[in-house]
Amino acid sequence: MPTNDSTYSRRTPSSLHRGNCGSPEHTLHRRLFLQGSLAVGAASVASFSGLFSLPALAAETQARGKKCILLWLCGAPSQFETWDPKPRTTSGGPFGAIPTNLPGVHISSLMPKCATIMDKLAVVRSMQTEPNEHFQGVDVLTRGDKPRQPFIRPILGSVVAQQLGQLDSPVPQFILLDPCPEGNEFKQFKAGNWAGWLGAEYGPVRAGGEYSIPNLKQLESISDIDHADREALRQFLSRKYENDRRSQAAGSLNAAFERVQGLMQCAPLFDLNALPEADRQRYGPGAFAQHALQARHLIENGSTFVMVANGMPWDNHVFQHEMHQMLVPELDNILYQLIDDLQQRGLLQDTLVIAMGEFGRTPWLNDSRGRDHYSKAWSLAMAGAGIRGGVVHGATDELGYEVTEQAVDNRQLFATIFRALGIDPHEEYDLPGLPTFSRVEDNVAPIAELLQV
């Protein structure tokens, strides 16, 4: 059986001060910037390189800081066919385990490329969470904890964008790349609820399977002058409504609307045809692979958090082994290419890569030869930023039914992620009508073994 051995100028984030919950007053500088940037005009930008020809904007947009790419494995992958194989057991299935470049550590034979970069990965084999259904599992594993009614807890990408993002940049700071936004579990998230109490300006810019953002071009029937006049009228009426009603929600939505003006300038960033064909071939032809490449490109050019979802193919209640035999090799190649690319570009030390779903799969097969939902013992992987590579944290029993060493719940996981990114996991929120509480509750500590010193 494999062992669980562990081996051998970031930018200071702006804090969410007590009482600052994304109110419009704290984003005034951003609005002024966006108003001024309208003069550049989308029509005058022939390519994204033209945007970076403005030295001050280029320096700010590409400033070095912690970033994150979340590979969200919709539907929940099996730990047995990825990070915690149990070969030659009733749980293990038909696939073997292969050695990695960490002595004594084995992973699934379906992941030969990741086996060569295990010294850069941190694998947690001892995830133990509560929700066992998709909606609740997604909510907890993307927001860090259960809901706190009546407020909506912000999703991870919104927190990272608010804490580390450069919201004066026209490049979106939180981007969701999803090949079928209306056809997977994310349809259960309402558009206004991504950022929760942080405000709509910290919600994601969402792009779909066409590798582009639709409806960004100015209509030919509207002149530049008419477009500017309409925008000025919209701003006037929106601000009047905001001021008259003293509405933080209106201010937040106004800021999100104004972000579109900058988005029109950086639309070429979403054009994968502009990237080298060799890169596209290396990542693979699927939407998940191409979106992972696009995530690298977006992070490289000024975004702070990119979430890559891949439909919902991992929910294999039927024909588990046949489906994972197709899905896992694709994930293996994506992780290998992404981590190698980030390292070659000098970005890995500042970019956290996370690959996980909402839980794991059962140690047994059902009557349809599938694995069902299982949250008692599952696995995930991380690399880059403040994460220590070459670590396998925790263990499960011989058949993978129970966690036997160093169980990790969602709070410990999020405390670790925040700490790796330089975000204080215990900073306090103070929201109307609720007791004061921290970003990660109950003062739960990060996992020291997973963090760089």
Foldseek 3Di string as FASTA:
>chain_A
DFDFDFDDPADFWDACAAPRQQFLVVCVVLVVLLVVCLVCPLVVFPALVVVVVPPVLVCLQQPHHFFEEEAAQAQAAAQCQWQFNQPPDQLRPDWDWDAAPQPRGTTTPLQPLVSDVLQQKEKEFFAFEDDQDALQLCQCQQQLHGADPPWARAGPQLVQCNTIADSSALQAQEAEEEACCCFGPNVPDDQFRNGISNFNLSGHDYDHLVLFDPDLDDDPVADSVNVVVVVVVVVVVLVVVCVVVVDSRSSRVVSNVSSSSSPSNNRNLSDLVPPDPVCCVQLHDDSQSSVLVSVLSSSSRRHRYYYYYYGRQNNWLAPNVVSCSPVSSSVSSSVSSNCVVCVVVVNQQRYKYWYTYSAHFDSHHDPRRTTGTDNATGMIMMGGQFWRGRGYAFDADSSRPHTDHDHDYSLQVVLQVCVSSNHHQFRWYDDPPDDIAGNRGPPHHHDPNTGDD
